[in-house]
């Protein structure tokens, strides 16, 4: 029994060696790696903590809530989807602002210069139902 297992294993090894290299299909890909300092990342904010955050302006007035963060294939900066307007979640609409326009001050998300009216005047964002 052990002898037949050795013969089968040897045959499988021989077949693999004689079959030549295996090539994957599709276009060749290259990956550019960069070194990242883990200590500097530790000062950042996880998306799970950012989504759901209340957004205020400099006067500490609530102007919206972060509903989601989106990264597009072409833009390498994230965008924040803000839920604005409405009452108790009813009638709210979504708008987009570049995430880098938000500041973190005293553990709050601040959108300088924003008012409820200015955000509600932005074009409405609608989620693609296929995403």
Protein backbone atom coordinates (compact mmCIF):
# COMPACT_ATOMS: atom_id res chain seq x y z
CA UNK A 1 0.00 0.00 0.00
CA UNK A 2 2.74 2.47 0.96
CA UNK A 3 4.62 1.49 -2.19
CA UNK A 4 1.66 2.39 -4.45
CA UNK A 5 1.26 5.78 -2.68
CA UNK A 6 4.93 6.52 -3.38
CA UNK A 7 4.52 5.57 -7.03
CA UNK A 8 1.43 7.82 -7.38
CA UNK A 9 3.20 10.74 -5.65
CA UNK A 10 6.23 10.29 -7.89
CA UNK A 11 4.05 10.17 -11.01
CA UNK A 12 2.26 13.36 -9.96
CA UNK A 13 5.59 15.10 -9.33
CA UNK A 14 6.96 13.96 -12.68
CA UNK A 15 3.81 15.16 -14.50
CA UNK A 16 4.07 18.55 -12.83
CA UNK A 17 7.74 18.93 -13.77
CA UNK A 18 7.21 17.89 -17.40
CA UNK A 19 4.14 20.04 -18.01
CA UNK A 20 6.14 23.31 -18.09
CA UNK A 21 5.42 26.57 -16.38
CA UNK A 22 1.85 27.58 -15.67
CA UNK A 23 0.86 31.03 -16.93
CA UNK A 24 -2.12 32.92 -15.65
CA UNK A 25 -4.45 34.44 -18.18
CA UNK A 26 -5.05 38.14 -18.61
CA UNK A 27 -2.83 41.17 -18.73
CA UNK A 28 0.33 41.18 -16.64
CA UNK A 29 0.02 43.25 -13.51
CA UNK A 30 2.53 45.27 -11.61
CA UNK A 31 2.23 46.33 -8.04
CA UNK A 32 4.04 49.30 -6.61
CA UNK A 33 4.77 48.89 -2.94
CA UNK A 34 5.65 51.67 -0.60
CA UNK A 35 6.79 51.65 2.97
CA UNK A 36 4.21 52.92 5.43
CA UNK A 37 5.05 53.98 8.94
CA UNK A 38 2.61 52.09 11.21
CA UNK A 39 3.08 54.70 13.96
CA UNK A 40 1.81 57.48 11.70
CA UNK A 41 -1.22 55.39 10.69
CA UNK A 42 -2.05 54.86 14.34
CA UNK A 43 -2.85 58.58 14.57
CA UNK A 44 -5.52 58.24 11.87
CA UNK A 45 -9.21 57.41 12.08
CA UNK A 46 -10.83 54.12 11.10
CA UNK A 47 -13.72 54.42 8.69
CA UNK A 48 -15.88 52.48 11.14
CA UNK A 49 -15.41 55.35 13.59
CA UNK A 50 -15.85 58.15 11.02
CA UNK A 51 -19.07 56.86 9.44
CA UNK A 52 -21.98 57.97 11.58
CA UNK A 53 -20.11 60.98 12.96
CA UNK A 54 -21.93 64.25 13.33
CA UNK A 55 -20.51 67.08 11.21
CA UNK A 56 -20.48 70.56 12.68
CA UNK A 57 -19.33 73.97 11.46
CA UNK A 58 -17.00 76.40 13.28
CA UNK A 59 -19.94 77.67 15.34
CA UNK A 60 -20.49 74.08 16.57
CA UNK A 61 -23.83 73.91 14.72
CA UNK A 62 -24.73 70.45 13.43
CA UNK A 63 -24.85 70.55 9.63
CA UNK A 64 -25.02 66.84 8.78
CA UNK A 65 -23.87 63.30 9.46
CA UNK A 66 -21.28 61.20 7.64
CA UNK A 67 -23.20 58.40 5.98
CA UNK A 68 -20.38 56.81 4.02
CA UNK A 69 -16.90 57.23 2.55
CA UNK A 70 -16.30 56.58 -1.13
CA UNK A 71 -13.08 56.06 -3.07
CA UNK A 72 -13.42 56.10 -6.86
CA UNK A 73 -11.15 54.27 -9.31
CA UNK A 74 -9.89 57.57 -10.77
CA UNK A 75 -9.66 59.77 -7.69
CA UNK A 76 -7.34 58.56 -4.97
CA UNK A 77 -8.82 60.80 -2.28
CA UNK A 78 -11.93 59.68 -0.43
CA UNK A 79 -15.19 61.57 -0.55
CA UNK A 80 -17.60 61.85 2.35
CA UNK A 81 -21.30 61.25 1.77
CA UNK A 82 -23.16 63.54 4.14
CA UNK A 83 -26.76 63.11 5.19
CA UNK A 84 -28.26 66.60 5.43
CA UNK A 85 -31.67 68.06 6.15
CA UNK A 86 -34.67 66.12 7.25
CA UNK A 87 -35.87 65.40 10.75
CA UNK A 88 -35.04 62.26 12.72
CA UNK A 89 -33.73 60.62 9.57
CA UNK A 90 -36.86 61.32 7.53
CA UNK A 91 -36.54 63.51 4.45
CA UNK A 92 -32.75 63.64 4.62
CA UNK A 93 -30.76 63.75 1.40
CA UNK A 94 -27.19 62.89 0.56
CA UNK A 95 -24.48 65.22 -0.71
CA UNK A 96 -20.79 64.69 -1.40
CA UNK A 97 -17.83 66.66 -0.06
CA UNK A 98 -14.14 65.84 -0.43
CA UNK A 99 -13.03 64.16 2.77
CA UNK A 100 -10.00 66.46 2.97
CA UNK A 101 -12.36 69.43 3.40
CA UNK A 102 -13.31 68.02 6.81
CA UNK A 103 -11.18 68.81 9.84
CA UNK A 104 -10.94 66.84 13.05
CA UNK A 105 -11.02 69.17 16.03
CA UNK A 106 -11.58 67.99 19.58
CA UNK A 107 -12.73 64.59 18.28
CA UNK A 108 -15.41 66.27 16.13
CA UNK A 109 -15.72 66.38 12.36
CA UNK A 110 -15.78 70.05 11.34
CA UNK A 111 -16.72 71.35 7.89
CA UNK A 112 -15.55 74.97 7.87
CA UNK A 113 -17.93 77.45 6.28
CA UNK A 114 -20.79 74.96 6.02
CA UNK A 115 -24.37 75.71 6.91
CA UNK A 116 -27.41 73.49 6.60
CA UNK A 117 -28.61 75.68 3.73
CA UNK A 118 -25.28 75.59 1.86
CA UNK A 119 -25.13 71.80 2.08
CA UNK A 120 -28.76 71.36 1.08
CA UNK A 121 -28.02 73.53 -2.00
CA UNK A 122 -25.42 71.00 -3.23
CA UNK A 123 -26.47 68.48 -5.89
CA UNK A 124 -28.11 65.41 -4.40
CA UNK A 125 -26.09 62.19 -4.40
CA UNK A 126 -27.90 58.91 -5.02
CA UNK A 127 -26.29 55.56 -4.38
CA UNK A 128 -25.95 53.27 -7.37
CA UNK A 129 -28.18 50.32 -6.55
CA UNK A 130 -25.59 47.97 -8.07
CA UNK A 131 -22.87 48.96 -5.56
